[in-house]
Amino acid sequence: MTKIADALLGRRQNRTNKQEYHKATFIKRQVDIKRREYSPIIIQDLNDFFVHSQNFIFASKKFSYHLFLQLILSNIVLS
């Protein structure tokens, strides 16, 4: 009797393992699909961020250069 019960239990366990495996692969596929959907959006956002940061760096360099010309250089020339 225990051998039959163990065999049935083993089959059930195998079924649940297969179901878990199929559920996990389904979830993995869904994640891969979402990743493929969102990757161009993320790439575009990163490109925008880098362009904005380059513009900010350029503007700050320009600002510091003009600040140097107006404040420091004028003091050097006057003294």
Protein backbone atom coordinates (compact mmCIF):
# COMPACT_ATOMS: atom_id res chain seq x y z
CA MET A 1 0.00 0.00 0.00
CA THR A 2 2.77 2.45 0.80
CA LYS A 3 4.49 1.75 -2.52
CA ILE A 4 1.33 2.66 -4.40
CA ALA A 5 0.83 5.77 -2.28
CA ASP A 6 4.47 6.76 -2.80
CA ALA A 7 4.16 6.21 -6.54
CA LEU A 8 1.02 8.35 -6.69
CA LEU A 9 2.65 10.99 -4.56
CA GLY A 10 5.70 10.96 -6.81
CA ARG A 11 3.52 11.44 -9.87
CA ARG A 12 1.74 14.32 -8.20
CA GLN A 13 5.07 15.81 -7.23
CA ASN A 14 6.31 15.47 -10.81
CA ARG A 15 3.15 17.13 -12.07
CA THR A 16 3.51 20.04 -9.68
CA ASN A 17 7.18 20.38 -10.59
CA LYS A 18 6.26 20.48 -14.28
CA GLN A 19 3.52 23.00 -13.58
CA GLU A 20 5.95 25.13 -11.58
CA TYR A 21 8.49 24.87 -14.39
CA HIS A 22 5.95 25.87 -17.03
CA LYS A 23 4.71 28.72 -14.86
CA ALA A 24 8.28 29.95 -14.36
CA THR A 25 9.08 29.77 -18.07
CA PHE A 26 5.84 31.61 -18.88
CA ILE A 27 6.74 34.37 -16.43
CA LYS A 28 10.26 34.50 -17.86
CA ARG A 29 8.85 34.88 -21.38
CA GLN A 30 6.55 37.68 -20.21
CA VAL A 31 9.50 39.46 -18.60
CA ASP A 32 11.54 39.06 -21.79
CA ILE A 33 8.68 40.50 -23.85
CA LYS A 34 8.35 43.48 -21.51
CA ARG A 35 12.11 43.94 -21.54
CA ARG A 36 12.07 44.05 -25.34
CA GLU A 37 9.19 46.53 -25.26
CA TYR A 38 10.84 48.86 -22.77
CA SER A 39 14.45 48.69 -23.96
CA PRO A 40 14.06 51.27 -26.78
CA ILE A 41 12.30 53.61 -24.37
CA ILE A 42 15.06 53.22 -21.80
CA ILE A 43 17.74 53.74 -24.45
CA GLN A 44 16.00 56.91 -25.64
CA ASP A 45 15.71 58.18 -22.06
CA LEU A 46 19.41 57.54 -21.47
CA ASN A 47 20.31 59.34 -24.69
CA ASP A 48 18.17 62.31 -23.65
CA PHE A 49 19.80 62.32 -20.23
CA PHE A 50 23.31 62.32 -21.69
CA VAL A 51 22.45 65.09 -24.15
CA HIS A 52 20.96 67.22 -21.36
CA SER A 53 23.94 66.57 -19.10
CA GLN A 54 26.34 67.53 -21.92
CA ASN A 55 24.36 70.71 -22.50
CA PHE A 56 24.46 71.47 -18.78
CA ILE A 57 28.22 70.90 -18.62
CA PHE A 58 28.75 73.10 -21.68
CA ALA A 59 26.59 75.87 -20.16
CA SER A 60 28.40 75.66 -16.82
CA LYS A 61 31.79 75.88 -18.56
CA LYS A 62 30.58 78.89 -20.51
CA PHE A 63 29.21 80.51 -17.35
CA SER A 64 32.43 79.94 -15.42
CA TYR A 65 34.48 81.34 -18.31
CA HIS A 66 32.37 84.52 -18.43
CA LEU A 67 32.49 84.78 -14.66
CA PHE A 68 36.27 84.52 -14.82
CA LEU A 69 36.41 87.21 -17.52
CA GLN A 70 34.16 89.65 -15.68
CA LEU A 71 35.23 89.21 -12.07
CA ILE A 72 38.76 87.92 -11.88
CA LEU A 73 40.27 89.30 -15.06
CA SER A 74 38.85 92.79 -14.45
CA ASN A 75 40.41 92.79 -10.95
CA ILE A 76 43.76 91.73 -12.37
CA VAL A 77 43.67 94.46 -15.02
CA LEU A 78 42.59 97.16 -12.54
CA SER A 79 45.26 96.35 -9.97
